[in-house]
Each structure stands twice: as C-alpha cells, then as structure tokens.
C-alpha atoms as a PDB file:
ATOM      1  CA  UNK A   1     -10.284   9.109  -9.353  1.00  0.00           C
ATOM      2  CA  UNK A   2     -12.509   7.347  -6.858  1.00  0.00           C
ATOM      3  CA  UNK A   3     -11.514   6.610  -3.278  1.00  0.00           C
ATOM      4  CA  UNK A   4     -12.341   3.075  -2.134  1.00  0.00           C
ATOM      5  CA  UNK A   5     -14.654   2.342   0.776  1.00  0.00           C
ATOM      6  CA  UNK A   6     -13.401  -1.147   1.676  1.00  0.00           C
ATOM      7  CA  UNK A   7      -9.927  -0.880   3.240  1.00  0.00           C
ATOM      8  CA  UNK A   8      -8.183  -4.023   4.506  1.00  0.00           C
ATOM      9  CA  UNK A   9      -5.473  -4.057   7.170  1.00  0.00           C
ATOM     10  CA  UNK A  10      -2.212  -5.878   6.667  1.00  0.00           C
ATOM     11  CA  UNK A  11      -1.952  -9.286   8.324  1.00  0.00           C
ATOM     12  CA  UNK A  12       1.339  -8.022   9.821  1.00  0.00           C
ATOM     13  CA  UNK A  13      -0.422  -5.236  11.745  1.00  0.00           C
ATOM     14  CA  UNK A  14      -0.398  -7.095  15.039  1.00  0.00           C
ATOM     15  CA  UNK A  15      -2.631  -6.339  17.982  1.00  0.00           C
ATOM     16  CA  UNK A  16      -3.041  -3.281  20.104  1.00  0.00           C
ATOM     17  CA  UNK A  17      -5.174  -0.330  19.162  1.00  0.00           C
ATOM     18  CA  UNK A  18      -5.069  -1.182  15.443  1.00  0.00           C
ATOM     19  CA  UNK A  19      -3.904   2.275  14.410  1.00  0.00           C
ATOM     20  CA  UNK A  20      -0.346   1.393  13.416  1.00  0.00           C
ATOM     21  CA  UNK A  21      -0.635  -0.526  10.174  1.00  0.00           C
ATOM     22  CA  UNK A  22      -0.741  -0.465   6.414  1.00  0.00           C
ATOM     23  CA  UNK A  23      -4.144  -0.640   4.758  1.00  0.00           C
ATOM     24  CA  UNK A  24      -4.910  -1.634   1.165  1.00  0.00           C
ATOM     25  CA  UNK A  25      -7.941  -1.265  -1.091  1.00  0.00           C
ATOM     26  CA  UNK A  26      -8.625  -1.749  -4.795  1.00  0.00           C
ATOM     27  CA  UNK A  27     -10.908  -0.134  -7.342  1.00  0.00           C
ATOM     28  CA  UNK A  28     -11.836  -1.834 -10.630  1.00  0.00           C
ATOM     29  CA  UNK A  29     -11.575  -0.749 -14.274  1.00  0.00           C
ATOM     30  CA  UNK A  30      -8.763  -0.018 -14.516  1.00  0.00           C
ATOM     31  CA  UNK A  31      -7.469  -1.984 -11.559  1.00  0.00           C
ATOM     32  CA  UNK A  32      -6.003   0.485  -9.109  1.00  0.00           C
ATOM     33  CA  UNK A  33      -4.358  -0.288  -5.778  1.00  0.00           C
ATOM     34  CA  UNK A  34      -4.577   2.193  -2.918  1.00  0.00           C
ATOM     35  CA  UNK A  35      -2.221   2.061   0.078  1.00  0.00           C
ATOM     36  CA  UNK A  36      -2.434   4.163   3.232  1.00  0.00           C
ATOM     37  CA  UNK A  37      -1.031   4.404   6.741  1.00  0.00           C
ATOM     38  CA  UNK A  38      -3.854   3.888   9.238  1.00  0.00           C
ATOM     39  CA  UNK A  39      -2.670   6.883  11.281  1.00  0.00           C
ATOM     40  CA  UNK A  40      -3.028   9.161   8.203  1.00  0.00           C
ATOM     41  CA  UNK A  41      -6.125   7.801   6.394  1.00  0.00           C
ATOM     42  CA  UNK A  42      -6.667  10.887   4.247  1.00  0.00           C
ATOM     43  CA  UNK A  43      -3.270  10.480   2.550  1.00  0.00           C
ATOM     44  CA  UNK A  44      -2.792   7.465   0.312  1.00  0.00           C
ATOM     45  CA  UNK A  45      -0.614   6.174  -2.497  1.00  0.00           C
ATOM     46  CA  UNK A  46      -2.298   5.007  -5.699  1.00  0.00           C
ATOM     47  CA  UNK A  47      -0.667   2.593  -8.134  1.00  0.00           C
ATOM     48  CA  UNK A  48      -1.428  -0.311 -10.462  1.00  0.00           C
ATOM     49  CA  UNK A  49      -0.474  -3.987 -10.050  1.00  0.00           C
ATOM     50  CA  UNK A  50       2.602  -4.030 -12.310  1.00  0.00           C
ATOM     51  CA  UNK A  51       4.642  -1.220 -10.685  1.00  0.00           C
ATOM     52  CA  UNK A  52       3.695  -2.449  -7.210  1.00  0.00           C
ATOM     53  CA  UNK A  53       4.799  -5.961  -8.130  1.00  0.00           C
ATOM     54  CA  UNK A  54       8.161  -4.624  -9.347  1.00  0.00           C
ATOM     55  CA  UNK A  55       8.635  -2.578  -6.173  1.00  0.00           C
ATOM     56  CA  UNK A  56       7.848  -5.554  -3.919  1.00  0.00           C
ATOM     57  CA  UNK A  57      10.210  -7.763  -5.925  1.00  0.00           C
ATOM     58  CA  UNK A  58      13.076  -5.281  -5.481  1.00  0.00           C
ATOM     59  CA  UNK A  59      12.327  -4.907  -1.769  1.00  0.00           C
ATOM     60  CA  UNK A  60      12.318  -8.686  -1.260  1.00  0.00           C
ATOM     61  CA  UNK A  61      15.544  -9.226  -3.216  1.00  0.00           C
ATOM     62  CA  UNK A  62      17.338  -6.195  -1.757  1.00  0.00           C
ATOM     63  CA  UNK A  63      17.979  -4.777  -5.213  1.00  0.00           C
ATOM     64  CA  UNK A  64      16.563  -1.260  -4.804  1.00  0.00           C
ATOM     65  CA  UNK A  65      19.961   0.328  -5.306  1.00  0.00           C
ATOM     66  CA  UNK A  66      21.380   3.459  -3.724  1.00  0.00           C
ATOM     67  CA  UNK A  67      18.742   5.857  -2.343  1.00  0.00           C
ATOM     68  CA  UNK A  68      18.602   9.353  -3.807  1.00  0.00           C
ATOM     69  CA  UNK A  69      19.733  12.055  -1.412  1.00  0.00           C
END
C-alpha cells in the first residue's frame, strides 16, 4: 500500500495554527481514500469511495444506530 504525498486539509479546518483538522488524500488504481488527523500524521484511515459514501450518508441522516460498548 502506498502512502500519498498530496494531503488536502478540510475546508472546515478554520484558521489558527492549522494543526487541528482532518486531511484527505487519494491514490489511484484502485481508488483509495486516506484520512488523517493533522496532529497525528503518521496514523491514517484507508478506505474506498463506496464505504466512505455510506458512512457519510449515515452520519448526515443520523442513522448510525446504537454505538457498540
């Protein structure tokens, strides 16, 4: 698995020191999406478009269900 070089900050990051935001990058073939917290750049989540789309849909609609304990 390759780690991307071109990370983009979320437009919701706001101002300040720029170290408190979500960053996203993609790698091609197969399309892979990488997400990381700017304060912990060595740790990142890797997914593909379909599962991420489903997760964002459930977050937006409030239909995630009961969290596991």
